[in-house]
Amino acid sequence: MPLTFNLRQLESDDVNLKGEISPAALDLSVSDELVHVRKNLAYNLTISRVDEDVLVRGCLSVVLDCECARCLKPFQYKVLLQDWMLDLPLEGEEKIVPTNDSVDLTPYVREDILLEFPQHALCEEDCAGLAKGSGSRGSKKQRGPVPVDNPSVWSELNKLKF
């Protein structure tokens, strides 16, 4: 079910919309294998008529199920648009075209939510990734020099004196 409001309701007073909408209704299918949208998007919006425009203000939030790009550990990432605002013109070249006096906010919400998705999801800023040799996830960076068990071929060349 799309997120819509009726323009005729704005003739008398502001319209308040509060609720949740499913990822399927928002068409939030993401091609990123590390980011999954499984929970509903919550919204709390106030819609006002300002001259020849419609102003939508409010809060949008959704919790994403992610996997760290470095260590593959699952974690949750909250997308929160606290002071979201949208201006919809009713006249001019960019005017909105209502369907049966209803305006669908779904494409605008989808676009702004998708722009807030993490581009490189990390469980922690300093995630070191998978530990070498151990196969465990999420080890922290080692401090100091890393011990070398087998000297490289290049180290033997450094011993030559010309």
C-alpha atoms as a PDB file:
ATOM      1  CA  MET A   1       0.000   0.000   0.000  1.00  0.00           C
ATOM      2  CA  PRO A   2       1.581   3.302  -1.074  1.00  0.00           C
ATOM      3  CA  LEU A   3       2.022   6.293   1.181  1.00  0.00           C
ATOM      4  CA  THR A   4      -0.623   8.767  -0.047  1.00  0.00           C
ATOM      5  CA  PHE A   5      -2.651  11.765   1.107  1.00  0.00           C
ATOM      6  CA  ASN A   6      -5.675  13.571  -0.315  1.00  0.00           C
ATOM      7  CA  LEU A   7      -5.276  17.190  -1.424  1.00  0.00           C
ATOM      8  CA  ARG A   8      -8.846  18.039  -0.385  1.00  0.00           C
ATOM      9  CA  GLN A   9      -7.986  17.348   3.255  1.00  0.00           C
ATOM     10  CA  LEU A  10      -5.461  20.205   3.110  1.00  0.00           C
ATOM     11  CA  GLU A  11      -8.183  22.755   2.367  1.00  0.00           C
ATOM     12  CA  SER A  12      -9.283  22.858   6.007  1.00  0.00           C
ATOM     13  CA  ASP A  13      -6.162  21.944   8.017  1.00  0.00           C
ATOM     14  CA  ASP A  14      -2.810  20.168   8.015  1.00  0.00           C
ATOM     15  CA  VAL A  15      -2.740  16.402   7.550  1.00  0.00           C
ATOM     16  CA  ASN A  16      -0.783  14.153   9.922  1.00  0.00           C
ATOM     17  CA  LEU A  17       0.362  10.746   8.742  1.00  0.00           C
ATOM     18  CA  LYS A  18       1.906   8.267  11.141  1.00  0.00           C
ATOM     19  CA  GLY A  19       2.546   4.580  10.662  1.00  0.00           C
ATOM     20  CA  GLU A  20       4.712   2.008   8.955  1.00  0.00           C
ATOM     21  CA  ILE A  21       5.127   0.838   5.394  1.00  0.00           C
ATOM     22  CA  SER A  22       6.660  -2.447   4.240  1.00  0.00           C
ATOM     23  CA  PRO A  23       9.859  -2.688   2.189  1.00  0.00           C
ATOM     24  CA  ALA A  24       7.850  -4.363  -0.588  1.00  0.00           C
ATOM     25  CA  ALA A  25       5.430  -1.408  -0.787  1.00  0.00           C
ATOM     26  CA  LEU A  26       8.378   0.993  -0.998  1.00  0.00           C
ATOM     27  CA  ASP A  27      10.148  -1.265  -3.519  1.00  0.00           C
ATOM     28  CA  LEU A  28      13.340  -1.112  -1.481  1.00  0.00           C
ATOM     29  CA  SER A  29      14.966  -4.041  -3.222  1.00  0.00           C
ATOM     30  CA  VAL A  30      18.685  -3.383  -2.958  1.00  0.00           C
ATOM     31  CA  SER A  31      21.298  -4.980  -5.195  1.00  0.00           C
ATOM     32  CA  ASP A  32      23.930  -4.825  -2.432  1.00  0.00           C
ATOM     33  CA  GLU A  33      24.467  -8.329  -1.022  1.00  0.00           C
ATOM     34  CA  LEU A  34      25.571  -6.910   2.335  1.00  0.00           C
ATOM     35  CA  VAL A  35      22.530  -4.676   2.990  1.00  0.00           C
ATOM     36  CA  HIS A  36      19.062  -6.163   3.525  1.00  0.00           C
ATOM     37  CA  VAL A  37      15.796  -4.328   4.177  1.00  0.00           C
ATOM     38  CA  ARG A  38      13.593  -6.656   6.213  1.00  0.00           C
ATOM     39  CA  LYS A  39      11.859  -4.279   8.622  1.00  0.00           C
ATOM     40  CA  ASN A  40       9.118  -1.743   7.951  1.00  0.00           C
ATOM     41  CA  LEU A  41       9.881   1.927   7.460  1.00  0.00           C
ATOM     42  CA  ALA A  42       8.330   4.089  10.187  1.00  0.00           C
ATOM     43  CA  TYR A  43       7.073   7.558   9.315  1.00  0.00           C
ATOM     44  CA  ASN A  44       5.593  10.512  11.192  1.00  0.00           C
ATOM     45  CA  LEU A  45       4.709  13.286   8.743  1.00  0.00           C
ATOM     46  CA  THR A  46       2.877  16.612   8.756  1.00  0.00           C
ATOM     47  CA  ILE A  47       1.567  17.831   5.416  1.00  0.00           C
ATOM     48  CA  SER A  48       0.700  21.525   4.945  1.00  0.00           C
ATOM     49  CA  ARG A  49      -0.463  23.722   2.113  1.00  0.00           C
ATOM     50  CA  VAL A  50       1.811  26.749   1.666  1.00  0.00           C
ATOM     51  CA  ASP A  51       0.617  29.067  -1.124  1.00  0.00           C
ATOM     52  CA  GLU A  52       0.799  26.985  -4.303  1.00  0.00           C
ATOM     53  CA  ASP A  53       2.982  24.257  -2.794  1.00  0.00           C
ATOM     54  CA  VAL A  54       2.545  21.288  -0.498  1.00  0.00           C
ATOM     55  CA  LEU A  55       5.131  21.035   2.275  1.00  0.00           C
ATOM     56  CA  VAL A  56       5.788  17.634   3.834  1.00  0.00           C
ATOM     57  CA  ARG A  57       7.837  17.570   7.058  1.00  0.00           C
ATOM     58  CA  GLY A  58       8.617  14.841   9.508  1.00  0.00           C
ATOM     59  CA  CYS A  59      10.671  11.819  10.434  1.00  0.00           C
ATOM     60  CA  LEU A  60      11.519   8.660   8.481  1.00  0.00           C
ATOM     61  CA  SER A  61      13.378   5.682   9.951  1.00  0.00           C
ATOM     62  CA  VAL A  62      14.189   2.110   9.063  1.00  0.00           C
ATOM     63  CA  VAL A  63      16.586  -0.471  10.523  1.00  0.00           C
ATOM     64  CA  LEU A  64      18.734  -2.338   7.998  1.00  0.00           C
ATOM     65  CA  ASP A  65      20.227  -5.793   8.476  1.00  0.00           C
ATOM     66  CA  CYS A  66      23.804  -5.556   7.219  1.00  0.00           C
ATOM     67  CA  GLU A  67      26.940  -7.627   7.009  1.00  0.00           C
ATOM     68  CA  CYS A  68      30.295  -5.967   7.550  1.00  0.00           C
ATOM     69  CA  ALA A  69      32.212  -5.462   4.295  1.00  0.00           C
ATOM     70  CA  ARG A  70      35.460  -6.438   6.042  1.00  0.00           C
ATOM     71  CA  CYS A  71      34.636  -9.227   8.510  1.00  0.00           C
ATOM     72  CA  LEU A  72      31.139 -10.301   7.339  1.00  0.00           C
ATOM     73  CA  LYS A  73      29.786 -10.025  10.891  1.00  0.00           C
ATOM     74  CA  PRO A  74      26.042  -9.242  10.920  1.00  0.00           C
ATOM     75  CA  PHE A  75      24.956  -5.930  12.450  1.00  0.00           C
ATOM     76  CA  GLN A  76      22.071  -3.473  12.288  1.00  0.00           C
ATOM     77  CA  TYR A  77      22.278   0.001  10.784  1.00  0.00           C
ATOM     78  CA  LYS A  78      19.594   2.584  11.527  1.00  0.00           C
ATOM     79  CA  VAL A  79      18.668   5.040   8.799  1.00  0.00           C
ATOM     80  CA  LEU A  80      17.081   8.076  10.456  1.00  0.00           C
ATOM     81  CA  LEU A  81      15.921  11.186   8.642  1.00  0.00           C
ATOM     82  CA  GLN A  82      14.902  13.258  11.657  1.00  0.00           C
ATOM     83  CA  ASP A  83      14.037  16.536   9.916  1.00  0.00           C
ATOM     84  CA  TRP A  84      12.962  15.256   6.505  1.00  0.00           C
ATOM     85  CA  MET A  85      11.341  17.876   4.285  1.00  0.00           C
ATOM     86  CA  LEU A  86       9.767  17.764   0.840  1.00  0.00           C
ATOM     87  CA  ASP A  87       8.332  20.608  -1.240  1.00  0.00           C
ATOM     88  CA  LEU A  88       5.784  19.591  -3.887  1.00  0.00           C
ATOM     89  CA  PRO A  89       4.741  22.375  -6.303  1.00  0.00           C
ATOM     90  CA  LEU A  90       1.112  22.443  -7.434  1.00  0.00           C
ATOM     91  CA  GLU A  91       1.805  24.771 -10.371  1.00  0.00           C
ATOM     92  CA  GLY A  92       4.598  25.266 -12.889  1.00  0.00           C
ATOM     93  CA  GLU A  93       6.766  22.918 -14.899  1.00  0.00           C
ATOM     94  CA  GLU A  94       7.591  20.597 -11.987  1.00  0.00           C
ATOM     95  CA  LYS A  95       4.085  20.401 -10.568  1.00  0.00           C
ATOM     96  CA  ILE A  96       2.819  17.154  -9.140  1.00  0.00           C
ATOM     97  CA  VAL A  97      -0.029  15.383 -10.878  1.00  0.00           C
ATOM     98  CA  PRO A  98      -2.539  14.026  -8.356  1.00  0.00           C
ATOM     99  CA  THR A  99      -4.550  10.890  -9.107  1.00  0.00           C
ATOM    100  CA  ASN A 100      -8.158  11.271  -7.900  1.00  0.00           C
ATOM    101  CA  ASP A 101      -7.017  14.175  -5.667  1.00  0.00           C
ATOM    102  CA  SER A 102      -4.422  11.888  -4.024  1.00  0.00           C
ATOM    103  CA  VAL A 103      -0.672  12.392  -4.040  1.00  0.00           C
ATOM    104  CA  ASP A 104       1.687   9.445  -3.686  1.00  0.00           C
ATOM    105  CA  LEU A 105       4.723  10.183  -1.489  1.00  0.00           C
ATOM    106  CA  THR A 106       6.231   6.720  -1.985  1.00  0.00           C
ATOM    107  CA  PRO A 107       8.756   7.607  -4.749  1.00  0.00           C
ATOM    108  CA  TYR A 108      10.076  10.595  -2.792  1.00  0.00           C
ATOM    109  CA  VAL A 109      10.459   8.592   0.418  1.00  0.00           C
ATOM    110  CA  ARG A 110      12.141   5.716  -1.458  1.00  0.00           C
ATOM    111  CA  GLU A 111      14.674   8.024  -3.098  1.00  0.00           C
ATOM    112  CA  ASP A 112      15.698   9.793   0.107  1.00  0.00           C
ATOM    113  CA  ILE A 113      15.922   6.555   2.113  1.00  0.00           C
ATOM    114  CA  LEU A 114      18.065   4.850  -0.548  1.00  0.00           C
ATOM    115  CA  LEU A 115      20.437   7.827  -0.554  1.00  0.00           C
ATOM    116  CA  GLU A 116      21.060   7.263   3.170  1.00  0.00           C
ATOM    117  CA  PHE A 117      22.013   3.575   2.834  1.00  0.00           C
ATOM    118  CA  PRO A 118      25.646   2.807   3.749  1.00  0.00           C
ATOM    119  CA  GLN A 119      27.936   2.636   0.728  1.00  0.00           C
ATOM    120  CA  HIS A 120      30.526   0.524   2.544  1.00  0.00           C
ATOM    121  CA  ALA A 121      28.831  -1.065   5.575  1.00  0.00           C
ATOM    122  CA  LEU A 122      31.218  -1.612   8.502  1.00  0.00           C
ATOM    123  CA  CYS A 123      30.340  -3.080  11.895  1.00  0.00           C
ATOM    124  CA  GLU A 124      32.898  -0.739  13.513  1.00  0.00           C
ATOM    125  CA  GLU A 125      35.012   2.067  12.103  1.00  0.00           C
ATOM    126  CA  ASP A 126      38.243   0.272  12.941  1.00  0.00           C
ATOM    127  CA  CYS A 127      37.142  -3.228  11.902  1.00  0.00           C
ATOM    128  CA  ALA A 128      40.279  -5.143  10.942  1.00  0.00           C
ATOM    129  CA  GLY A 129      38.463  -7.775   8.920  1.00  0.00           C
ATOM    130  CA  LEU A 130      38.984 -11.512   9.105  1.00  0.00           C
ATOM    131  CA  ALA A 131      41.931 -12.704  11.175  1.00  0.00           C
ATOM    132  CA  LYS A 132      44.589 -14.365   9.019  1.00  0.00           C
ATOM    133  CA  GLY A 133      44.930 -18.071   9.591  1.00  0.00           C
ATOM    134  CA  SER A 134      42.369 -18.316  12.372  1.00  0.00           C
ATOM    135  CA  GLY A 135      39.216 -18.187  10.264  1.00  0.00           C
ATOM    136  CA  SER A 136      37.506 -16.179  13.020  1.00  0.00           C
ATOM    137  CA  ARG A 137      35.639 -12.975  12.350  1.00  0.00           C
ATOM    138  CA  GLY A 138      36.179  -9.465  13.549  1.00  0.00           C
ATOM    139  CA  SER A 139      39.614  -9.521  15.117  1.00  0.00           C
ATOM    140  CA  LYS A 140      41.149  -6.185  16.034  1.00  0.00           C
ATOM    141  CA  LYS A 141      44.315  -4.841  14.441  1.00  0.00           C
ATOM    142  CA  GLN A 142      47.549  -6.073  15.958  1.00  0.00           C
ATOM    143  CA  ARG A 143      49.827  -3.465  17.475  1.00  0.00           C
ATOM    144  CA  GLY A 144      53.530  -3.498  16.731  1.00  0.00           C
ATOM    145  CA  PRO A 145      55.523  -5.537  14.205  1.00  0.00           C
ATOM    146  CA  VAL A 146      54.069  -8.717  12.800  1.00  0.00           C
ATOM    147  CA  PRO A 147      56.370 -11.738  13.375  1.00  0.00           C
ATOM    148  CA  VAL A 148      57.633 -13.375  10.193  1.00  0.00           C
ATOM    149  CA  ASP A 149      57.948 -17.165  10.320  1.00  0.00           C
ATOM    150  CA  ASN A 150      59.432 -17.739   6.878  1.00  0.00           C
ATOM    151  CA  PRO A 151      61.845 -15.168   5.541  1.00  0.00           C
ATOM    152  CA  SER A 152      61.041 -14.087   2.013  1.00  0.00           C
ATOM    153  CA  VAL A 153      63.261 -14.572  -1.010  1.00  0.00           C
ATOM    154  CA  TRP A 154      63.793 -10.833  -1.105  1.00  0.00           C
ATOM    155  CA  SER A 155      65.310 -10.788   2.368  1.00  0.00           C
ATOM    156  CA  GLU A 156      68.035 -13.152   1.129  1.00  0.00           C
ATOM    157  CA  LEU A 157      68.831 -10.693  -1.671  1.00  0.00           C
ATOM    158  CA  ASN A 158      69.246  -7.919   0.891  1.00  0.00           C
ATOM    159  CA  LYS A 159      72.140  -9.880   2.439  1.00  0.00           C
ATOM    160  CA  LEU A 160      74.223  -9.673  -0.759  1.00  0.00           C
ATOM    161  CA  LYS A 161      77.100  -7.186  -0.727  1.00  0.00           C
ATOM    162  CA  PHE A 162      78.147  -5.569  -3.981  1.00  0.00           C
END
